[in-house]
Amino acid sequence: MIHLGTSRDEWQHPEEIVAALKLEAGQTVADIEAGAGAGAGAGTGYMVAHLSEAVGRNGTVIAIDAEAAMIEYLAKHLPELGPAHIVTQKVDFHDPELKRESVHGDLALDTCQSGRLTPGKCTTV
């Protein structure tokens, strides 16, 4: 896997974040984490990889980003992001374009969203 540097793991605590989402094998989860630069999104795949491990081979991670460059980067590195089916999705900065019933959970790290995340399925860690 890529982007699992120990220094980020030390302050981000990805295992605690994933545990708080209470994901199960085979589920679908969306990563709307703060991306690089001014955009918002899955960025370089740091949490995509962790979420992928959590939902496993039969699960899906929707990697959402507002920046085309990040989507292109993720698309080139899909095999390195873990066992789950990874779907990249380019969206507008202010709208993650997620249908409520399409995911079991969504992750927005260091991101201020406009209230369009899945109500009742968000956890603050």
Foldseek 3Di string as FASTA:
>chain_A
DPDQDPVCCVPVVLVVVLVQLVDAAQFEEEEQEQEPDPATWCHQQNNLLVNCVRHAQNYEYETEIQDPVRLVNCVVCVVVSHRYHYHYDHDHRQESPDDLVRGSAYDYHPDDHPPRHNPPSDDDD
